Amino acid sequence: MDFEVVAEGLKFPEGPVWLPDGSVVVVEIAAGQLTRIWPDGRQTVVATPGGGPNGAALGPDGRLYVCNNGGFEWEKQGDLLIPGHQAPDYSGGRIEAIEIDSGAVEILYDSCDGHRLNGPNDLVFDGHGGFYFTDFGQGRERESDRGGLYYAKADGSEISSLLYPVDHPNGCGLSPDGRTLYVAQTLFRNVTAF
């Protein structure tokens, strides 16, 4: 398989989102920003919401929807950055909607049923314009959050807890027919279908 490196020097990139103009937006968790990578390799900052932007998806309204985990401590191991415990300047877990052209950031959700979101990780839109998302939680030196699985509307009007607790839910995706939600529990090395 042939491949080409199109961008380097990124700070823990994840959540690539392809845009119709051929560019790709990635979150840089350690930099607290979203970066657009153009086909020629040029990089431009889309937005700097801070915290730890994690999973991202293009919403039905053309905005980028981002799971923000609130921030980690980072450890350098050789050339690698490794996420650790909750950052000392942890800004709280949240779901954000970001205008691609202006970089304007709107916080849609930071809690559900009176309970704060701790470390949203990944999201996927369904065919109805809503989205499922995982909350991995945060770890601290002597304790760790329980995670959960949620569903929310893209307009910020409704969020519901589907399953809690779920230990460390990470990535998520929908089957092509939209009837099955897959959730990776990375630390347990499994994928669960709902």
Protein backbone atom coordinates (compact mmCIF):
# COMPACT_ATOMS: atom_id res chain seq x y z
CA MET A 1 0.00 0.00 0.00
CA ASP A 2 1.41 3.40 -0.98
CA PHE A 3 0.99 6.34 1.37
CA GLU A 4 2.14 9.90 1.71
CA VAL A 5 2.64 11.95 4.88
CA VAL A 6 0.70 15.17 4.33
CA ALA A 7 1.23 16.85 7.73
CA GLU A 8 3.78 16.57 10.51
CA GLY A 9 4.46 18.18 13.88
CA LEU A 10 0.87 17.84 15.09
CA LYS A 11 0.20 17.51 18.83
CA PHE A 12 -1.68 14.23 19.32
CA PRO A 13 -3.98 14.41 16.27
CA GLU A 14 -7.23 12.45 16.21
CA GLY A 15 -10.72 12.59 14.76
CA PRO A 16 -9.97 13.36 11.09
CA VAL A 17 -12.92 14.86 9.25
CA TRP A 18 -12.83 15.08 5.46
CA LEU A 19 -14.39 18.25 4.02
CA PRO A 20 -15.93 18.52 0.54
CA ASP A 21 -13.14 20.88 -0.64
CA GLY A 22 -10.58 18.09 -0.15
CA SER A 23 -9.11 19.40 3.08
CA VAL A 24 -9.11 17.42 6.33
CA VAL A 25 -9.68 18.81 9.82
CA VAL A 26 -8.06 17.04 12.76
CA VAL A 27 -8.25 17.75 16.46
CA GLU A 28 -4.92 18.28 18.19
CA ILE A 29 -5.75 17.14 21.69
CA ALA A 30 -2.49 18.32 23.29
CA ALA A 31 -2.67 21.73 21.57
CA GLY A 32 -6.35 22.32 22.40
CA GLN A 33 -7.11 23.18 18.79
CA LEU A 34 -8.57 22.01 15.49
CA THR A 35 -6.27 22.17 12.48
CA ARG A 36 -7.19 22.09 8.81
CA ILE A 37 -4.79 20.29 6.50
CA TRP A 38 -5.04 21.25 2.84
CA PRO A 39 -4.20 18.89 -0.04
CA ASP A 40 -0.87 20.70 -0.52
CA GLY A 41 0.07 20.04 3.15
CA ARG A 42 -0.55 23.58 4.34
CA GLN A 43 -1.96 23.79 7.88
CA THR A 44 -4.33 26.43 9.24
CA VAL A 45 -5.92 26.64 12.69
CA VAL A 46 -9.72 26.37 12.52
CA ALA A 47 -10.40 27.05 16.21
CA THR A 48 -8.74 26.92 19.61
CA PRO A 49 -11.42 25.82 22.08
CA GLY A 50 -8.83 24.79 24.70
CA GLY A 51 -9.22 21.78 26.94
CA GLY A 52 -8.77 18.58 24.95
CA PRO A 53 -10.75 18.45 21.71
CA ASN A 54 -11.08 14.74 20.94
CA GLY A 55 -13.49 13.11 18.49
CA ALA A 56 -15.01 15.26 15.73
CA ALA A 57 -17.71 14.93 13.06
CA LEU A 58 -19.29 17.15 10.44
CA GLY A 59 -22.86 17.92 11.45
CA PRO A 60 -25.94 18.29 9.26
CA ASP A 61 -25.65 22.10 9.52
CA GLY A 62 -22.06 22.16 8.23
CA ARG A 63 -20.48 22.82 11.63
CA LEU A 64 -17.87 20.59 13.24
CA TYR A 65 -19.13 18.86 16.36
CA VAL A 66 -16.40 18.09 18.86
CA CYS A 67 -16.13 15.99 22.00
CA ASN A 68 -13.88 17.98 24.34
CA ASN A 69 -12.42 15.97 27.22
CA GLY A 70 -11.38 19.09 29.17
CA GLY A 71 -7.64 18.40 29.00
CA PHE A 72 -4.97 15.93 30.07
CA GLU A 73 -1.52 16.13 31.57
CA TRP A 74 0.99 15.11 28.90
CA GLU A 75 4.15 13.08 29.21
CA LYS A 76 6.86 13.05 26.58
CA GLN A 77 8.32 9.60 25.87
CA GLY A 78 10.95 10.01 23.20
CA ASP A 79 9.17 11.62 20.26
CA LEU A 80 5.73 10.63 21.57
CA LEU A 81 3.23 12.60 23.64
CA ILE A 82 1.28 10.32 25.97
CA PRO A 83 -1.95 11.47 27.69
CA GLY A 84 -2.07 11.03 31.43
CA HIS A 85 -4.26 12.23 34.27
CA GLN A 86 -6.73 15.07 34.20
CA ALA A 87 -4.91 18.37 33.59
CA PRO A 88 -4.38 20.76 36.52
CA ASP A 89 -6.21 23.38 34.40
CA TYR A 90 -8.99 20.94 33.44
CA SER A 91 -11.79 22.99 31.87
CA GLY A 92 -14.60 20.43 32.09
CA GLY A 93 -15.94 17.95 29.57
CA ARG A 94 -18.28 19.26 26.91
CA ILE A 95 -19.74 18.95 23.43
CA GLU A 96 -18.91 21.90 21.17
CA ALA A 97 -20.15 23.03 17.76
CA ILE A 98 -17.57 24.96 15.74
CA GLU A 99 -18.08 27.16 12.67
CA ILE A 100 -15.41 26.10 10.18
CA ASP A 101 -14.95 29.49 8.51
CA SER A 102 -15.05 31.79 11.56
CA GLY A 103 -13.74 29.42 14.26
CA ALA A 104 -16.62 30.41 16.55
CA VAL A 105 -17.09 27.83 19.32
CA GLU A 106 -20.48 27.13 20.92
CA ILE A 107 -20.75 24.85 23.94
CA LEU A 108 -23.86 22.75 23.38
CA TYR A 109 -23.68 20.44 26.39
CA ASP A 110 -21.56 20.18 29.52
CA SER A 111 -23.92 18.05 31.60
CA CYS A 112 -26.79 15.57 31.38
CA ASP A 113 -29.57 15.25 33.94
CA GLY A 114 -27.63 17.41 36.40
CA HIS A 115 -24.43 15.37 36.08
CA ARG A 116 -21.40 16.92 34.41
CA LEU A 117 -19.74 15.41 31.37
CA ASN A 118 -16.22 14.41 32.37
CA GLY A 119 -14.32 13.39 29.25
CA PRO A 120 -16.36 13.17 26.03
CA ASN A 121 -14.34 11.16 23.55
CA ASP A 122 -16.05 10.37 20.24
CA LEU A 123 -19.32 10.97 18.41
CA VAL A 124 -21.25 9.80 15.38
CA PHE A 125 -24.30 11.33 13.69
CA ASP A 126 -27.34 9.27 12.78
CA GLY A 127 -29.75 9.77 9.89
CA HIS A 128 -32.06 11.92 12.02
CA GLY A 129 -29.53 14.72 12.65
CA GLY A 130 -28.76 13.70 16.24
CA PHE A 131 -25.61 12.08 17.49
CA TYR A 132 -24.39 9.40 19.84
CA PHE A 133 -21.30 10.10 21.92
CA THR A 134 -19.11 8.41 24.46
CA ASP A 135 -17.77 9.93 27.67
CA PHE A 136 -14.54 8.15 28.60
CA GLY A 137 -14.24 10.06 31.88
CA GLN A 138 -11.06 11.41 33.43
CA GLY A 139 -8.46 9.84 35.67
CA ARG A 140 -6.75 11.47 38.59
CA GLU A 141 -3.93 10.16 40.74
CA ARG A 142 -6.19 8.30 43.19
CA GLU A 143 -9.51 8.01 41.39
CA SER A 144 -11.16 7.57 38.00
CA ASP A 145 -14.56 8.56 36.58
CA ARG A 146 -17.06 6.07 35.25
CA GLY A 147 -17.94 6.64 31.60
CA GLY A 148 -21.20 6.67 29.73
CA LEU A 149 -23.01 6.55 26.41
CA TYR A 150 -25.26 9.47 25.40
CA TYR A 151 -27.52 10.74 22.63
CA ALA A 152 -28.05 14.42 21.84
CA LYS A 153 -29.70 16.71 19.32
CA ALA A 154 -27.42 18.90 17.20
CA ASP A 155 -29.37 22.07 18.01
CA GLY A 156 -28.48 21.90 21.72
CA SER A 157 -32.08 21.25 22.80
CA GLU A 158 -31.88 17.75 24.25
CA ILE A 159 -29.40 15.28 25.70
CA SER A 160 -30.08 11.89 27.25
CA SER A 161 -28.04 9.25 29.01
CA LEU A 162 -28.42 5.91 27.24
CA LEU A 163 -26.11 3.77 29.36
CA TYR A 164 -24.25 4.56 32.56
CA PRO A 165 -21.86 3.41 33.83
CA VAL A 166 -19.75 2.10 30.98
CA ASP A 167 -16.08 1.60 31.77
CA HIS A 168 -13.93 3.74 29.48
CA PRO A 169 -15.98 3.89 26.27
CA ASN A 170 -13.78 5.28 23.50
CA GLY A 171 -14.56 5.37 19.76
CA CYS A 172 -18.04 4.83 18.37
CA GLY A 173 -19.62 4.24 14.97
CA LEU A 174 -22.93 3.30 13.38
CA SER A 175 -23.70 0.44 11.01
CA PRO A 176 -24.67 1.52 7.46
CA ASP A 177 -28.39 0.98 8.20
CA GLY A 178 -28.11 3.08 11.39
CA ARG A 179 -29.55 0.32 13.58
CA THR A 180 -26.42 -0.80 15.43
CA LEU A 181 -24.07 1.38 17.46
CA TYR A 182 -20.55 0.05 17.98
CA VAL A 183 -18.49 1.23 20.94
CA ALA A 184 -14.81 0.44 21.51
CA GLN A 185 -13.68 -0.07 25.09
CA THR A 186 -9.98 0.34 24.38
CA LEU A 187 -8.64 -0.55 27.82
CA PHE A 188 -10.59 -3.83 27.77
CA ARG A 189 -9.67 -4.56 24.13
CA ASN A 190 -13.27 -5.12 23.03
CA VAL A 191 -15.99 -3.66 20.83
CA THR A 192 -19.61 -3.81 21.98
CA ALA A 193 -22.65 -3.62 19.66
CA PHE A 194 -25.88 -1.96 20.85
